[in-house]
Protein backbone atom coordinates (compact mmCIF):
# COMPACT_ATOMS: atom_id res chain seq x y z
CA MET A 1 -15.76 115.45 119.01
CA ARG A 2 -13.28 116.94 116.57
CA HIS A 3 -15.82 119.35 114.93
CA ARG A 4 -17.23 120.24 118.41
CA PHE A 5 -13.84 121.09 119.77
CA ILE A 6 -12.83 123.34 116.91
CA PHE A 7 -16.24 124.96 116.91
CA ILE A 8 -15.99 125.81 120.55
CA SER A 9 -12.29 127.05 119.94
CA MET A 10 -13.36 129.29 117.18
CA THR A 11 -16.31 130.60 119.14
CA PHE A 12 -14.06 131.26 122.20
CA LEU A 13 -11.75 133.22 119.99
CA GLY A 14 -14.63 135.32 118.60
CA ILE A 15 -15.78 136.17 122.28
CA LEU A 16 -12.18 136.65 123.39
CA PHE A 17 -11.25 139.03 120.58
CA ALA A 18 -14.23 141.29 121.71
CA SER A 19 -12.94 141.21 125.31
CA CYS A 20 -9.50 141.51 124.02
CA ASN A 21 -10.38 144.93 122.52
CA ASP A 22 -11.47 146.16 125.93
CA TRP A 23 -8.35 144.76 127.30
CA LEU A 24 -6.10 146.52 124.77
CA ASP A 25 -7.81 149.85 125.78
CA VAL A 26 -6.88 149.18 129.54
CA GLN A 27 -5.24 152.24 131.05
CA PRO A 28 -2.45 152.36 133.61
CA GLU A 29 -4.82 152.71 136.68
CA ASP A 30 -6.30 149.21 135.80
CA GLN A 31 -3.04 147.65 136.81
CA ARG A 32 -4.80 145.32 139.45
CA LYS A 33 -7.07 144.03 136.54
CA GLU A 34 -3.96 143.12 134.51
CA ASP A 35 -2.21 141.51 137.55
CA ASP A 36 -5.28 139.31 138.34
CA MET A 37 -5.34 138.26 134.72
CA PHE A 38 -1.70 137.07 134.74
CA SER A 39 -2.09 135.39 138.24
CA HIS A 40 -3.14 132.20 136.66
CA TYR A 41 -2.26 129.99 133.60
CA LYS A 42 -5.71 130.46 132.07
CA GLY A 43 -5.18 134.27 132.00
CA TYR A 44 -1.86 133.61 129.89
CA ARG A 45 -3.82 131.24 127.56
CA ASN A 46 -6.43 133.84 127.01
CA ALA A 47 -4.05 136.69 126.59
CA LEU A 48 -2.11 134.78 124.06
CA SER A 49 -5.04 133.70 121.96
CA GLY A 50 -6.19 137.34 122.09
CA CYS A 51 -2.83 138.23 120.50
CA TYR A 52 -3.63 135.82 117.43
CA ALA A 53 -7.13 137.03 117.32
CA ALA A 54 -5.88 140.50 117.06
CA MET A 55 -3.41 139.62 114.31
CA GLY A 56 -6.50 138.27 112.30
CA HIS A 57 -8.28 141.54 112.58
CA THR A 58 -9.18 142.87 109.07
CA SER A 59 -6.84 146.05 109.62
CA VAL A 60 -3.93 143.72 110.19
CA TYR A 61 -3.45 140.26 108.58
CA GLY A 62 -7.04 139.44 108.38
CA GLN A 63 -7.27 141.58 105.23
CA LYS A 64 -5.25 144.75 104.83
CA LEU A 65 -1.88 143.18 105.10
CA THR A 66 -2.64 140.15 103.06
CA THR A 67 -5.31 140.64 100.41
CA SER A 68 -6.16 144.32 99.91
CA ASP A 69 -4.04 147.46 100.89
CA ILE A 70 -0.53 145.77 100.96
CA GLU A 71 -1.35 144.12 97.57
CA LEU A 72 -2.52 147.44 96.04
CA LEU A 73 0.63 149.05 97.13
CA ALA A 74 2.48 146.31 95.19
CA GLY A 75 0.30 147.01 92.05
CA MET A 76 -1.09 143.58 92.10
CA TRP A 77 -4.78 144.28 91.59
CA GLU A 78 -6.07 145.94 88.26
CA MET A 79 -7.81 149.17 88.71
CA MET A 80 -10.98 149.90 86.56
CA ASP A 81 -11.56 153.37 88.12
CA ASN A 82 -8.96 156.13 88.39
CA SER A 83 -10.21 157.45 91.75
CA GLY A 84 -10.76 156.27 95.30
CA THR A 85 -8.52 154.93 98.04
CA ASN A 86 -7.75 151.62 96.23
CA TYR A 87 -6.42 153.64 93.16
CA ASP A 88 -4.47 156.00 95.30
CA LEU A 89 -2.83 153.09 97.12
CA THR A 90 -1.93 151.63 93.74
CA THR A 91 -0.48 154.85 92.42
CA HIS A 92 1.21 155.76 95.79
CA ASN A 93 -0.76 158.97 96.17
CA TYR A 94 -0.39 159.18 99.91
CA ASN A 95 -3.26 161.64 100.38
CA ASP A 96 -5.49 161.96 103.61
CA GLY A 97 -7.47 158.86 102.66
CA VAL A 98 -4.54 156.71 102.32
CA ARG A 99 -2.85 158.11 105.23
CA SER A 100 -5.99 157.24 107.31
CA THR A 101 -5.89 153.65 106.29
CA ILE A 102 -2.18 153.34 106.81
CA GLN A 103 -2.53 154.81 110.30
CA ASP A 104 -5.10 152.25 111.08
CA ILE A 105 -2.78 149.31 110.13
CA TYR A 106 0.00 150.74 112.26
CA SER A 107 -2.01 151.48 115.28
CA LYS A 108 -3.69 148.01 115.30
CA MET A 109 -0.26 146.40 114.70
CA PHE A 110 1.14 148.14 117.87
CA ASN A 111 -1.93 147.08 119.68
CA VAL A 112 -0.83 143.44 119.10
CA ILE A 113 2.74 144.32 120.05
CA VAL A 114 1.86 146.02 123.40
CA GLN A 115 -0.40 142.98 124.12
CA THR A 116 2.47 140.68 123.66
CA ASN A 117 4.73 142.95 125.88
CA LYS A 118 2.34 142.37 128.71
CA ILE A 119 2.59 138.65 128.40
CA ILE A 120 6.38 138.80 128.17
CA ALA A 121 6.74 141.11 131.17
CA HIS A 122 4.50 139.16 133.42
CA ALA A 123 5.86 135.63 132.33
CA GLU A 124 9.31 136.72 132.86
CA ALA A 125 8.76 138.26 136.27
CA ASP A 126 6.86 135.33 137.77
CA GLY A 127 6.50 131.84 136.54
CA GLY A 128 4.38 130.64 139.39
CA ALA A 129 1.29 130.63 137.32
CA PHE A 130 2.49 128.00 134.96
CA PRO A 131 2.08 124.29 135.46
CA ASP A 132 5.68 123.70 134.53
CA GLU A 133 8.78 125.53 132.98
CA ALA A 134 8.25 123.93 129.61
CA THR A 135 4.79 125.50 129.45
CA ARG A 136 6.05 128.84 130.53
CA SER A 137 8.79 128.67 127.86
CA VAL A 138 6.28 127.93 125.05
CA ILE A 139 3.93 130.65 125.98
CA LEU A 140 6.90 133.14 126.42
CA GLY A 141 8.51 131.90 123.17
CA GLU A 142 5.36 132.41 121.16
CA ALA A 143 4.99 135.99 122.54
CA TYR A 144 8.48 136.87 121.53
CA ALA A 145 7.77 135.37 118.09
CA ILE A 146 4.58 137.33 117.60
CA ARG A 147 6.18 140.68 118.68
CA ALA A 148 8.98 139.84 116.12
CA TYR A 149 6.53 138.96 113.38
CA CYS A 150 4.78 142.26 113.67
CA GLN A 151 7.84 144.29 114.27
CA LEU A 152 9.46 142.86 111.07
CA ASP A 153 6.44 144.01 109.10
CA VAL A 154 6.80 147.50 110.91
CA LEU A 155 10.12 147.65 109.33
CA ARG A 156 9.17 146.30 105.93
CA LEU A 157 6.23 148.61 105.54
CA PHE A 158 7.31 151.81 107.17
CA GLY A 159 11.10 151.73 107.19
CA GLU A 160 13.77 152.69 104.76
CA VAL A 161 14.71 150.66 101.68
CA PRO A 162 17.25 148.10 102.91
CA GLY A 163 20.75 149.15 101.74
CA GLY A 164 19.32 151.92 99.75
CA ASP A 165 20.55 155.60 99.42
CA GLY A 166 17.08 157.17 100.10
CA GLU A 167 15.34 158.55 103.12
CA LYS A 168 16.58 157.14 106.56
CA VAL A 169 14.14 156.31 109.17
CA SER A 170 14.15 155.62 112.86
CA LEU A 171 11.31 153.28 113.97
CA PRO A 172 9.88 152.41 117.28
CA TYR A 173 10.65 148.77 118.44
CA SER A 174 8.18 148.53 121.25
CA GLU A 175 8.99 146.75 124.50
CA VAL A 176 6.63 148.85 126.61
CA LYS A 177 3.30 147.64 127.99
CA ALA A 178 1.36 150.70 128.16
CA PHE A 179 -0.23 152.47 125.21
CA ASP A 180 0.75 156.05 126.62
CA GLU A 181 4.35 155.09 127.08
CA ARG A 182 6.74 155.99 124.19
CA ALA A 183 8.71 153.15 122.63
CA THR A 184 12.46 153.69 122.00
CA ARG A 185 13.28 154.35 118.28
CA TYR A 186 16.20 152.83 116.53
CA ASP A 187 17.99 153.32 113.30
CA PHE A 188 17.78 150.28 110.69
CA SER A 189 20.80 148.65 112.22
CA GLY A 190 19.72 148.88 115.83
CA TYR A 191 16.25 147.90 114.94
CA ALA A 192 17.45 144.87 113.04
CA GLU A 193 19.55 143.76 115.97
CA LYS A 194 16.40 144.15 118.43
CA LEU A 195 14.47 142.01 115.99
CA LEU A 196 17.05 139.32 115.63
CA THR A 197 17.48 139.16 119.47
CA ASP A 198 13.74 138.55 119.86
CA LEU A 199 13.78 135.74 117.23
CA LYS A 200 16.79 134.06 118.86
CA ARG A 201 14.95 134.27 122.31
CA ALA A 202 11.89 132.67 120.76
CA GLU A 203 13.93 129.92 119.07
CA ASP A 204 15.76 129.15 122.32
CA LEU A 205 12.46 129.17 124.47
CA LEU A 206 10.68 126.83 121.96
CA LYS A 207 13.61 124.57 121.39
CA ASP A 208 12.71 121.02 122.90
CA ASN A 209 9.72 122.52 124.67
CA ASP A 210 7.43 122.87 121.76
CA PRO A 211 5.15 119.90 121.37
CA ILE A 212 6.22 119.64 117.62
CA PHE A 213 9.41 118.03 118.88
CA GLN A 214 7.28 115.03 120.28
CA TYR A 215 4.50 115.00 117.76
CA THR A 216 3.73 115.88 114.09
CA TYR A 217 1.66 118.84 112.99
CA SER A 218 -1.05 116.19 111.61
CA PHE A 219 -1.13 114.40 115.23
CA LEU A 220 -1.62 117.73 116.82
CA ASN A 221 -4.47 118.64 114.49
CA THR A 222 -6.51 115.55 115.44
CA PRO A 223 -8.40 115.57 118.71
CA ALA A 224 -8.70 111.83 118.66
CA TYR A 225 -4.88 111.59 118.95
CA PHE A 226 -3.79 114.65 120.92
CA GLU A 227 -6.61 114.43 123.63
CA LYS A 228 -5.09 111.15 124.80
CA ALA A 229 -1.39 112.31 124.52
CA LEU A 230 -1.41 115.88 125.83
CA GLU A 231 -2.15 116.80 129.51
CA ASP A 232 -2.61 120.49 128.27
CA THR A 233 -4.65 120.47 124.99
CA TYR A 234 -3.91 124.18 124.51
CA MET A 235 -0.65 122.91 123.08
CA ALA A 236 -2.41 121.33 120.16
CA TYR A 237 -2.90 122.89 116.76
CA ARG A 238 0.63 124.11 116.40
CA GLN A 239 0.26 125.30 112.73
CA SER A 240 -2.07 127.98 114.10
CA ARG A 241 0.54 129.07 116.43
CA LEU A 242 4.07 130.51 116.08
CA ASN A 243 5.76 127.09 116.80
CA TYR A 244 9.50 126.36 116.62
CA TRP A 245 9.66 125.66 112.88
CA ALA A 246 7.57 128.79 112.04
CA VAL A 247 10.14 130.74 114.10
CA LYS A 248 13.00 129.31 112.01
CA ALA A 249 11.10 130.34 108.85
CA LEU A 250 10.60 133.66 110.17
CA GLN A 251 14.37 133.93 110.77
CA ALA A 252 14.98 133.10 107.19
CA ARG A 253 12.66 135.83 106.03
CA THR A 254 14.13 138.28 108.21
CA TYR A 255 17.60 137.59 107.31
CA LEU A 256 16.85 137.70 103.71
CA TYR A 257 15.11 141.06 104.05
CA LEU A 258 18.16 142.54 105.92
CA GLY A 259 20.44 141.24 103.16
CA ARG A 260 22.12 138.62 105.36
CA THR A 261 22.01 135.89 102.79
CA GLY A 262 24.26 133.33 104.53
CA GLU A 263 22.05 133.51 107.61
CA ALA A 264 19.01 133.28 105.61
CA TYR A 265 20.33 130.23 103.83
CA ALA A 266 21.20 128.58 107.07
CA ALA A 267 17.74 129.11 108.60
CA ALA A 268 15.95 128.08 105.44
CA LYS A 269 17.93 124.98 105.08
CA ALA A 270 17.33 124.02 108.75
CA VAL A 271 13.62 123.83 107.97
CA ILE A 272 14.03 122.13 104.65
CA ASP A 273 16.21 119.44 106.12
CA ALA A 274 14.34 119.03 109.40
CA LYS A 275 13.10 115.50 110.45
CA ASP A 276 10.57 114.44 112.91
CA LYS A 277 10.96 111.66 115.50
CA GLU A 278 10.26 109.01 112.74
CA ASN A 279 12.98 110.71 110.50
CA ARG A 280 10.37 112.05 108.01
CA PRO A 281 10.37 115.53 106.76
CA VAL A 282 8.75 117.89 109.40
CA MET A 283 7.10 119.78 106.55
CA GLU A 284 7.02 119.35 102.77
CA LEU A 285 5.82 121.36 99.70
CA SER A 286 2.13 120.57 99.11
CA GLY A 287 0.77 123.35 96.99
CA HIS A 288 -0.09 121.17 94.17
CA THR A 289 -1.87 118.45 96.33
CA ASP A 290 -3.70 121.17 98.20
CA ARG A 291 -5.11 122.84 95.18
CA GLY A 292 -6.19 119.42 93.88
CA GLN A 293 -8.24 119.05 97.07
CA ARG A 294 -9.68 122.71 96.48
CA ARG A 295 -7.50 123.89 99.66
CA TYR A 296 -6.40 126.97 97.83
CA ALA A 297 -4.60 128.56 100.67
CA CYS A 298 -2.20 125.51 100.86
CA PRO A 299 -2.81 124.53 104.53
CA GLY A 300 -0.78 121.32 104.06
CA GLU A 301 2.43 123.33 103.89
CA CYS A 302 1.70 126.20 106.31
CA LEU A 303 4.29 126.46 109.11
CA PHE A 304 1.91 129.04 110.55
CA TYR A 305 -1.45 130.30 109.77
CA LEU A 306 -4.02 132.48 111.48
CA SER A 307 -7.39 130.80 112.10
CA LYS A 308 -10.12 133.15 110.90
CA HIS A 309 -13.53 131.87 111.03
CA ASP A 310 -15.12 134.85 109.04
CA ILE A 311 -12.59 134.54 106.27
CA LYS A 312 -15.26 134.55 103.53
CA ALA A 313 -16.59 137.76 104.70
CA ALA A 314 -13.18 139.32 105.15
CA THR A 315 -12.18 138.41 101.60
CA SER A 316 -15.49 139.03 99.80
CA MET A 317 -14.01 141.78 97.76
CA LEU A 318 -11.99 139.13 95.89
CA ALA A 319 -15.09 137.76 94.28
CA ALA A 320 -13.48 134.33 94.29
CA ASN A 321 -15.73 131.76 92.40
CA ALA A 322 -18.37 134.32 91.48
CA PHE A 323 -19.73 134.50 87.98
CA SER A 324 -20.09 138.20 88.10
CA ALA A 325 -18.27 141.02 90.05
CA GLU A 326 -18.35 144.71 90.61
CA ARG A 327 -15.82 147.18 89.29
CA SER A 328 -14.92 147.73 92.94
CA ASN A 329 -13.92 144.09 93.42
CA LEU A 330 -10.23 143.26 93.52
CA LEU A 331 -9.60 141.51 90.33
CA ILE A 332 -6.90 141.23 87.41
CA SER A 333 -7.59 141.12 83.67
CA VAL A 334 -7.36 137.69 81.93
CA LYS A 335 -4.87 139.34 79.72
CA ARG A 336 -2.55 140.30 82.57
CA LEU A 337 -3.00 136.86 84.10
CA THR A 338 -2.01 135.01 81.02
CA GLU A 339 0.51 137.32 79.48
CA LYS A 340 2.28 138.64 82.61
CA LEU A 341 1.71 136.39 85.53
CA PHE A 342 1.67 132.98 83.78
CA PRO A 343 3.41 133.33 80.45
CA GLU A 344 4.40 129.60 80.69
CA ASN A 345 3.03 126.27 81.93
CA LYS A 346 -0.64 127.31 81.59
CA ASP A 347 -1.65 123.71 80.97
CA SER A 348 0.11 122.30 83.99
CA ASP A 349 0.64 124.80 86.64
CA SER A 350 -2.08 124.34 89.19
CA ARG A 351 -1.68 127.81 90.52
CA TYR A 352 -3.13 129.00 87.04
CA THR A 353 -5.48 125.98 86.22
CA GLN A 354 -7.15 125.77 89.58
CA GLY A 355 -6.11 128.84 91.61
CA TRP A 356 -8.05 131.40 89.45
CA ASN A 357 -11.58 131.82 88.33
CA LYS A 358 -11.12 133.04 84.83
CA GLN A 359 -14.73 133.65 83.82
CA VAL A 360 -15.87 136.61 85.81
CA GLU A 361 -18.29 138.78 84.23
CA VAL A 362 -18.03 142.68 85.14
CA ASN A 363 -20.46 145.34 83.80
CA GLY A 364 -21.63 142.82 81.06
CA LEU A 365 -18.17 142.06 79.96
CA LYS A 366 -17.58 138.23 80.13
CA ASP A 367 -14.39 136.34 80.35
CA MET A 368 -12.20 139.52 80.83
CA TYR A 369 -11.44 139.53 84.33
CA ALA A 370 -10.08 136.83 86.86
CA ALA A 371 -10.64 136.35 90.44
CA ILE A 372 -8.30 134.56 92.80
CA ARG A 373 -9.88 131.47 94.65
CA LYS A 374 -7.33 131.51 97.46
CA TYR A 375 -9.74 132.00 100.26
CA TYR A 376 -12.72 130.28 98.51
CA TYR A 377 -14.40 127.20 99.69
CA ASP A 378 -17.97 125.66 99.26
CA VAL A 379 -19.18 125.93 102.78
CA ASP A 380 -21.79 123.08 102.25
CA ASN A 381 -19.24 120.61 100.58
CA VAL A 382 -16.21 120.65 102.98
CA THR A 383 -15.34 119.16 106.26
CA ASP A 384 -12.96 120.54 108.82
CA ALA A 385 -13.37 124.00 107.51
CA SER A 386 -11.43 125.57 110.46
CA LEU A 387 -8.42 123.42 109.68
CA TYR A 388 -8.27 123.78 105.89
CA TYR A 389 -10.09 126.63 104.65
CA GLU A 390 -10.81 129.33 107.34
CA ILE A 391 -7.12 130.29 107.61
CA VAL A 392 -4.98 133.02 106.54
CA PRO A 393 -1.39 131.71 105.52
CA MET A 394 1.27 133.52 107.17
CA LEU A 395 4.54 131.43 106.62
CA ARG A 396 4.54 128.63 104.10
CA MET A 397 7.06 125.98 103.10
CA ALA A 398 6.97 127.54 99.45
CA GLU A 399 8.62 130.71 100.86
CA VAL A 400 11.21 128.75 102.86
CA VAL A 401 12.20 126.88 99.77
CA LEU A 402 12.36 129.95 97.59
CA ILE A 403 14.52 131.59 100.13
CA GLY A 404 16.84 128.62 100.02
CA ILE A 405 17.10 128.58 96.16
CA GLU A 406 17.99 132.36 96.10
CA THR A 407 20.67 132.21 98.82
CA THR A 408 22.37 128.72 98.45
CA PRO A 409 25.84 129.15 97.12
CA ASP A 410 25.63 125.57 95.57
CA VAL A 411 23.84 125.79 92.01
CA GLN A 412 23.21 122.29 91.85
CA GLU A 413 21.29 122.49 95.25
CA ALA A 414 19.40 125.64 93.80
CA ASN A 415 18.35 123.62 90.80
CA LYS A 416 17.23 120.51 92.86
CA TRP A 417 15.09 122.60 95.15
CA TYR A 418 13.57 124.62 92.33
CA ALA A 419 12.75 121.37 90.54
CA ASP A 420 11.01 120.13 93.68
CA TYR A 421 9.18 123.30 94.17
CA LEU A 422 7.84 123.34 90.71
CA LEU A 423 6.77 119.68 90.69
CA LYS A 424 5.44 119.45 94.25
CA GLY A 425 4.24 123.01 94.61
CA CYS A 426 2.76 123.57 91.19
CA GLY A 427 2.73 120.44 89.27
CA VAL A 428 5.16 121.46 86.71
CA ALA A 429 8.03 119.38 85.45
CA GLY A 430 11.22 121.63 85.13
CA ASP A 431 14.88 121.25 83.90
CA ASP A 432 17.80 122.69 85.56
CA ARG A 433 17.11 126.69 85.30
CA PHE A 434 20.18 127.99 86.88
CA THR A 435 23.82 128.35 86.14
CA SER A 436 26.52 130.19 87.96
CA GLN A 437 25.69 133.19 85.68
CA THR A 438 21.87 133.23 86.24
CA ASP A 439 20.39 136.14 88.12
CA ARG A 440 18.19 134.16 90.21
CA LEU A 441 16.00 137.14 91.13
CA GLU A 442 14.89 137.30 87.51
CA VAL A 443 13.35 133.78 87.88
CA LEU A 444 12.34 134.16 91.49
CA LEU A 445 10.60 137.46 91.78
CA PRO A 446 7.83 136.34 89.26
CA GLU A 447 7.47 133.23 91.24
CA TYR A 448 6.82 135.21 94.47
CA ALA A 449 4.02 136.94 92.46
CA ARG A 450 2.48 133.74 91.33
CA GLU A 451 2.78 131.95 94.58
CA PHE A 452 1.74 134.48 97.08
CA PHE A 453 -0.71 136.63 95.26
CA ALA A 454 -3.28 137.99 97.92
CA GLU A 455 -0.95 136.86 100.77
CA GLY A 456 0.77 140.23 101.03
CA GLN A 457 4.41 139.54 100.00
CA MET A 458 5.10 141.28 96.80
CA PHE A 459 5.42 144.84 98.21
CA TYR A 460 8.06 143.66 100.60
CA ALA A 461 9.92 141.69 97.79
CA TYR A 462 9.94 144.76 95.42
CA LYS A 463 11.27 146.91 98.29
CA ARG A 464 13.92 144.49 99.45
CA VAL A 465 15.53 144.57 96.13
CA GLY A 466 14.74 148.16 95.30
CA ALA A 467 12.63 147.29 92.27
CA SER A 468 11.64 150.61 90.25
CA GLU A 469 9.01 148.60 88.38
CA THR A 470 6.59 145.95 89.15
CA LEU A 471 5.90 142.70 87.24
CA PHE A 472 2.85 144.46 85.63
CA GLY A 473 4.87 147.64 84.54
CA GLU A 474 3.86 150.01 87.14
CA LYS A 475 6.67 152.38 88.31
CA ILE A 476 7.73 152.48 92.00
CA ALA A 477 9.91 155.32 93.21
CA PRO A 478 12.12 154.85 96.22
CA GLU A 479 10.13 157.23 98.33
CA ASP A 480 7.04 155.21 97.53
CA TYR A 481 8.31 152.31 99.68
CA VAL A 482 8.76 154.33 102.85
CA LEU A 483 5.29 154.86 104.62
CA TRP A 484 6.65 156.28 107.73
CA ASN A 485 5.37 159.77 106.75
CA CYS A 486 1.83 158.23 106.64
CA VAL A 487 1.96 157.78 110.53
CA ASN A 488 1.04 160.11 113.21
CA THR A 489 1.85 158.08 116.32
CA GLU A 490 2.37 154.45 117.41
CA PHE A 491 0.08 155.10 120.38
CA ASN A 492 -3.47 153.66 120.70
CA PRO A 493 -5.69 156.03 118.67
């Protein structure tokens, strides 16, 4: 039953995404069709599932904003040729080819945002379609959270460098529900307040209404359990949705990017200290255990992931566990891997020992390049693929803990959390690393690179701190961080 349920869910999402694209192209004269869709609860469920499916598109978090384009901008992949769009992204040569791919990302993000705006507008105007107020709150809370998730990345990718002296940018924060309606633009401060308001609204709506307050993530991943406990099984699989604790993690990420470290610390600590009904941690670090089970995307510690049944196809350019690869694949040299990314703990750190295939042959050259295994799995030798392998990690406990380490005012707490992170997340025994004089970013930025490689985090980390050089030595000028000039319009292309 479990496999059948998941298979049907994933098949439905594929069908829904195709119809979702049609819906995203709806013009104002089709208002009746839209009103009909939101006249019943099933319409809201379909629309919300469509939002998550659209986020998983290869032009958004299904590829470009996780494994490929965004990582190229951060200089994570090693170029073997000095031409082509990948090379231009790596060298921040924002020519017509790069502008086209960036525009595609931007437009698809606003497609998701406008879709959530439709849900928000209808759910707030009339709650009659919902079975109860708690269900309405969960659907509405998730919609606000999806909008905030995407709008944060609009800010992180296209906006100005936080606190920098460079170019200032006003960006659209879209609350409109028609593609031909212009969204209001805000300066950095105004945009930040809109973002935080959405996150607070999502938190308040999900508080106590989210099933995660009554059940564990594991329980809600198991049909044999939740089918007996839930009247509405759409409320299961909370890791694949922006649940309450994922929203708290997103708040921590947002506050950190905005430079509001005290509030980032409070949000991160709330997640770290959170307990379930049986007084056990709501979520714990599990990276080392996950990799030991060949679950390289670390599903055990995901507060939020996207389900993506075609993940192997979407990440085929990573070569993963292949013995040979092409020059066009996204790889790094073994030299860079061992000397720059993992200069220490190569015998014990599971991110190095298990997370990389270090024997990839390219053009007859053996053992010179490495491929990340993050999205790899052997389809013939796994069970519950949709739960543990066909996923895109979006918010992980590792990030929450690293935010806590960076922002806590207590050095002892920073050392405790870092020791836990190394042991449970990486399999590394560590001593106290920080003193009151330690620049924690010198330790933590390389950890971000090791931990979130191919998850789309490093460009934003470099931008947040205004880094002029990457871990691998590539230069980044302040203007390279601002991609607003690559965009023509937020309207549907």
